[in-house]
Amino acid sequence: MLKCIAIDDEPLALKQIVRYIDQTGFLELSGQFDNALDAISFLHQNEVDLMFVDIQMPDLSGMDFVKSLHQPPLVIFTTAYSEYAFEGFRVDAVDFLLKPIAFPDFLQAAEKAAERFRMLAGTPHAVQKNDQFLFLKSEYKLLRINFKSIKYIESMREYIRIHLDNEPPIMTLMSLKKIEEFLPAKKFMRVHRSYIVNTDKIMTVERNRIVFDGKTYIPVSEQYRVAFQQYLNNNFLP
């Protein structure tokens, strides 16, 4: 069971979300609120797994409400305005429901939240390491990632984005620290709390930044600068 709260300043919309939660066997309603401020007070005293949050609300918008939380639960945004979808992705929302919301769409979003919750809470299994590739789950598919095709890996909260040669980036639910354990240490280097780079792909370094494709700048943070400079010194011809 996922413990849920619903937040919406429109009474009819709030009533609909509450009804949909009651109709969904794996969801349990823990609270309903017509403003984000009351929800904040509730969260200070209670733990929940999932929030259904309207974006357009007075005093404190749903987006600002989620951003204000130090460790927010899973979030599904609801709104009448489709232009907020990209911003919802930026705060790692599970899904984005456009009003008026049909129950099949609600159920599909809730199932996505349940799957993500299971993945976050799941017990890790043993993986046999190799220096060539790894299979990762992305968008309900298992994808083979060849290490030699990775340019760099970017952290996005619970997710990572893997940037590849001549292919679109791949997102998967995993921490940067976790994937670092399975990368060949001789080829990959952590240069920032949010970035790991494939040293074979480094072509240009400019002012403590690694430049990819002439337009992407990866910062080398103070914490990793000594190790990175040592790598450069070991491969530098004066």
Protein backbone atom coordinates (compact mmCIF):
# COMPACT_ATOMS: atom_id res chain seq x y z
CA MET A 1 0.00 0.00 0.00
CA LEU A 2 1.24 3.46 -0.87
CA LYS A 3 0.23 6.13 1.64
CA CYS A 4 -0.97 9.17 -0.31
CA ILE A 5 -2.05 12.75 0.14
CA ALA A 6 -3.97 14.88 -2.34
CA ILE A 7 -3.56 18.66 -2.63
CA ASP A 8 -5.81 20.85 -4.78
CA ASP A 9 -7.49 24.20 -4.13
CA GLU A 10 -10.43 23.27 -6.39
CA PRO A 11 -13.00 21.31 -4.31
CA LEU A 12 -14.34 19.25 -7.22
CA ALA A 13 -10.87 18.36 -8.49
CA LEU A 14 -9.78 17.37 -4.98
CA LYS A 15 -12.89 15.26 -4.54
CA GLN A 16 -12.19 13.47 -7.82
CA ILE A 17 -8.59 12.60 -6.87
CA VAL A 18 -9.74 11.33 -3.47
CA ARG A 19 -12.37 9.16 -5.16
CA TYR A 20 -9.79 7.76 -7.58
CA ILE A 21 -7.44 6.94 -4.68
CA ASP A 22 -10.27 5.11 -2.90
CA GLN A 23 -10.91 3.08 -6.09
CA THR A 24 -7.26 2.03 -6.42
CA GLY A 25 -6.49 -1.00 -4.28
CA PHE A 26 -2.79 -0.31 -3.70
CA LEU A 27 -3.31 3.33 -2.61
CA GLU A 28 -4.31 4.51 0.87
CA LEU A 29 -5.42 8.09 1.50
CA SER A 30 -3.61 9.67 4.46
CA GLY A 31 -4.84 13.22 4.00
CA GLN A 32 -6.41 15.77 1.68
CA PHE A 33 -5.68 19.50 1.58
CA ASP A 34 -6.89 22.56 -0.29
CA ASN A 35 -3.56 24.36 0.08
CA ALA A 36 0.13 23.50 0.21
CA LEU A 37 0.81 25.17 3.56
CA ASP A 38 -1.46 22.77 5.43
CA ALA A 39 0.18 19.88 3.60
CA ILE A 40 3.61 21.04 4.80
CA SER A 41 2.40 21.00 8.41
CA PHE A 42 1.03 17.48 7.91
CA LEU A 43 4.30 16.23 6.39
CA HIS A 44 6.24 17.51 9.39
CA GLN A 45 4.38 14.96 11.53
CA ASN A 46 3.59 12.17 9.07
CA GLU A 47 5.35 10.10 6.43
CA VAL A 48 3.73 9.48 3.06
CA ASP A 49 4.87 7.65 -0.05
CA LEU A 50 3.08 9.58 -2.79
CA MET A 51 1.54 13.03 -3.31
CA PHE A 52 -0.98 14.15 -5.92
CA VAL A 53 -0.26 17.87 -6.21
CA ASP A 54 -2.06 20.55 -8.19
CA ILE A 55 0.41 23.03 -9.67
CA GLN A 56 -1.72 26.17 -9.79
CA MET A 57 -2.59 27.10 -6.19
CA PRO A 58 -2.68 30.43 -4.32
CA ASP A 59 -0.03 31.43 -1.73
CA LEU A 60 2.32 28.56 -2.64
CA SER A 61 2.24 26.78 -6.00
CA GLY A 62 2.49 23.02 -6.18
CA MET A 63 5.85 23.27 -7.93
CA ASP A 64 7.32 25.57 -5.27
CA PHE A 65 5.82 23.36 -2.56
CA VAL A 66 7.65 20.29 -3.87
CA LYS A 67 10.90 22.23 -4.31
CA SER A 68 10.68 23.40 -0.68
CA LEU A 69 10.72 19.84 0.67
CA HIS A 70 14.10 18.46 1.66
CA GLN A 71 13.24 14.86 0.79
CA PRO A 72 9.88 14.90 -0.99
CA PRO A 73 7.81 11.75 -1.45
CA LEU A 74 7.01 10.57 -4.96
CA VAL A 75 4.99 13.21 -6.80
CA ILE A 76 2.30 13.15 -9.47
CA PHE A 77 1.34 16.64 -10.62
CA THR A 78 -2.18 17.57 -11.70
CA THR A 79 -2.99 20.71 -13.65
CA ALA A 80 -5.10 22.19 -16.41
CA TYR A 81 -2.02 23.67 -18.12
CA SER A 82 0.15 21.40 -20.28
CA GLU A 83 3.06 23.87 -20.41
CA TYR A 84 4.10 22.82 -16.90
CA ALA A 85 5.01 19.27 -17.97
CA PHE A 86 8.69 19.99 -18.58
CA GLU A 87 9.09 21.79 -15.26
CA GLY A 88 7.49 18.79 -13.57
CA PHE A 89 10.13 16.57 -15.12
CA ARG A 90 12.86 18.83 -13.73
CA VAL A 91 11.74 18.11 -10.16
CA ASP A 92 11.64 14.40 -10.92
CA ALA A 93 7.87 13.96 -10.90
CA VAL A 94 6.59 10.44 -11.54
CA ASP A 95 3.95 11.69 -13.94
CA PHE A 96 1.91 14.68 -15.05
CA LEU A 97 -1.91 14.44 -15.28
CA LEU A 98 -3.77 16.97 -17.37
CA LYS A 99 -7.25 17.95 -16.17
CA PRO A 100 -9.93 16.76 -16.67
CA ILE A 101 -8.39 13.51 -15.47
CA ALA A 102 -9.82 10.19 -16.62
CA PHE A 103 -9.50 7.25 -14.25
CA PRO A 104 -7.44 5.09 -16.69
CA ASP A 105 -4.85 7.89 -16.89
CA PHE A 106 -4.86 8.23 -13.10
CA LEU A 107 -4.41 4.48 -12.67
CA GLN A 108 -1.54 4.36 -15.15
CA ALA A 109 0.27 7.15 -13.29
CA ALA A 110 -0.35 5.45 -9.94
CA GLU A 111 1.08 2.18 -11.26
CA LYS A 112 4.20 4.04 -12.42
CA ALA A 113 4.56 5.45 -8.91
CA ALA A 114 4.14 1.99 -7.38
CA GLU A 115 6.82 0.54 -9.65
CA ARG A 116 9.25 3.33 -8.81
CA PHE A 117 8.55 2.85 -5.11
CA ARG A 118 9.33 -0.87 -5.44
CA MET A 119 12.57 -0.11 -7.27
CA LEU A 120 13.68 2.39 -4.64
CA ALA A 121 12.85 0.00 -1.82
CA GLY A 122 14.04 -3.18 -3.53
CA THR A 123 16.87 -5.38 -2.33
CA PRO A 124 19.94 -5.13 -4.57
CA HIS A 125 21.09 -8.31 -6.25
CA ALA A 126 24.58 -9.45 -7.07
CA VAL A 127 25.84 -8.38 -10.49
CA GLN A 128 28.87 -9.97 -12.11
CA LYS A 129 31.21 -7.19 -13.23
CA ASN A 130 32.97 -7.05 -16.57
CA ASP A 131 34.95 -4.41 -18.47
CA GLN A 132 32.76 -4.31 -21.55
CA PHE A 133 29.09 -3.64 -20.84
CA LEU A 134 26.19 -3.56 -18.39
CA PHE A 135 22.42 -4.01 -18.79
CA LEU A 136 20.28 -1.25 -17.29
CA LYS A 137 16.54 -0.71 -17.08
CA SER A 138 15.15 2.37 -18.79
CA GLU A 139 11.49 3.07 -19.59
CA TYR A 140 10.38 -0.55 -19.03
CA LYS A 141 13.18 -1.90 -21.26
CA LEU A 142 16.51 -3.56 -20.53
CA LEU A 143 19.24 -1.83 -22.52
CA ARG A 144 22.80 -2.95 -23.06
CA ILE A 145 25.23 -0.11 -22.40
CA ASN A 146 28.69 -0.62 -23.85
CA PHE A 147 31.21 1.18 -21.65
CA LYS A 148 33.27 2.33 -24.63
CA SER A 149 30.27 4.27 -26.01
CA ILE A 150 29.73 6.32 -22.82
CA LYS A 151 30.99 9.91 -22.90
CA TYR A 152 29.89 10.97 -19.44
CA ILE A 153 27.27 10.22 -16.81
CA GLU A 154 25.21 12.92 -15.10
CA SER A 155 23.43 12.68 -11.75
CA MET A 156 19.78 13.81 -11.56
CA ARG A 157 18.70 13.13 -7.97
CA GLU A 158 17.55 9.47 -7.87
CA TYR A 159 18.25 9.13 -11.59
CA ILE A 160 21.33 9.20 -13.77
CA ARG A 161 21.54 10.30 -17.39
CA ILE A 162 24.07 8.41 -19.50
CA HIS A 163 25.38 10.40 -22.47
CA LEU A 164 26.50 8.21 -25.36
CA ASP A 165 28.27 8.55 -28.71
CA ASN A 166 25.82 9.26 -31.54
CA GLU A 167 22.78 8.16 -29.51
CA PRO A 168 20.18 9.92 -27.34
CA PRO A 169 20.95 9.97 -23.59
CA ILE A 170 19.56 7.14 -21.48
CA MET A 171 17.94 7.72 -18.09
CA THR A 172 17.74 5.07 -15.39
CA LEU A 173 16.82 4.95 -11.73
CA MET A 174 20.21 4.67 -10.03
CA SER A 175 22.66 6.79 -8.08
CA LEU A 176 25.97 7.97 -9.50
CA LYS A 177 27.74 6.24 -6.64
CA LYS A 178 26.08 2.92 -7.50
CA ILE A 179 26.98 2.87 -11.18
CA GLU A 180 30.52 3.98 -10.35
CA GLU A 181 31.02 0.63 -8.62
CA PHE A 182 30.49 -1.19 -11.93
CA LEU A 183 32.49 1.05 -14.27
CA PRO A 184 36.07 0.09 -15.22
CA ALA A 185 38.18 2.25 -12.90
CA LYS A 186 40.94 2.59 -15.49
CA LYS A 187 38.58 4.29 -17.95
CA PHE A 188 36.13 6.28 -15.82
CA MET A 189 36.80 9.09 -13.38
CA ARG A 190 34.59 11.02 -10.98
CA VAL A 191 35.30 14.73 -11.54
CA HIS A 192 32.34 16.28 -9.73
CA ARG A 193 29.61 15.13 -7.34
CA SER A 194 27.27 15.15 -10.37
CA TYR A 195 29.54 13.82 -13.12
CA ILE A 196 31.61 10.80 -14.10
CA VAL A 197 33.57 11.00 -17.37
CA ASN A 198 35.06 8.42 -19.70
CA THR A 199 38.71 9.49 -19.85
CA ASP A 200 39.04 8.02 -23.36
CA LYS A 201 36.54 10.64 -24.56
CA ILE A 202 38.32 13.68 -23.10
CA MET A 203 39.57 15.77 -26.00
CA THR A 204 39.64 19.30 -24.54
CA VAL A 205 40.21 20.69 -21.05
CA GLU A 206 39.65 24.39 -20.52
CA ARG A 207 39.88 26.29 -17.20
CA ASN A 208 39.14 23.27 -15.01
CA ARG A 209 36.34 22.20 -17.29
CA ILE A 210 36.12 19.22 -19.64
CA VAL A 211 34.62 20.18 -22.98
CA PHE A 212 32.57 17.66 -24.94
CA ASP A 213 31.57 18.33 -28.56
CA GLY A 214 32.65 21.94 -28.21
CA LYS A 215 29.50 22.91 -26.32
CA THR A 216 29.10 20.81 -23.15
CA TYR A 217 31.23 21.90 -20.20
CA ILE A 218 31.75 19.46 -17.31
CA PRO A 219 33.21 21.19 -14.23
CA VAL A 220 36.05 19.61 -12.27
CA SER A 221 35.26 20.35 -8.63
CA GLU A 222 37.82 21.07 -5.93
CA GLN A 223 37.23 17.69 -4.31
CA TYR A 224 38.39 15.81 -7.43
CA ARG A 225 40.84 18.33 -8.90
CA VAL A 226 44.05 16.78 -7.53
CA ALA A 227 43.26 13.33 -8.95
CA PHE A 228 42.22 14.81 -12.28
CA GLN A 229 45.37 16.91 -12.50
CA GLN A 230 47.43 13.80 -11.78
CA TYR A 231 45.69 12.06 -14.67
CA LEU A 232 46.56 14.98 -16.95
CA ASN A 233 50.18 15.05 -15.74
CA ASN A 234 50.55 11.33 -16.41
CA ASN A 235 49.40 11.81 -20.00
CA PHE A 236 50.86 15.24 -20.79
CA LEU A 237 53.76 15.76 -23.19
CA PRO A 238 55.45 19.09 -22.37
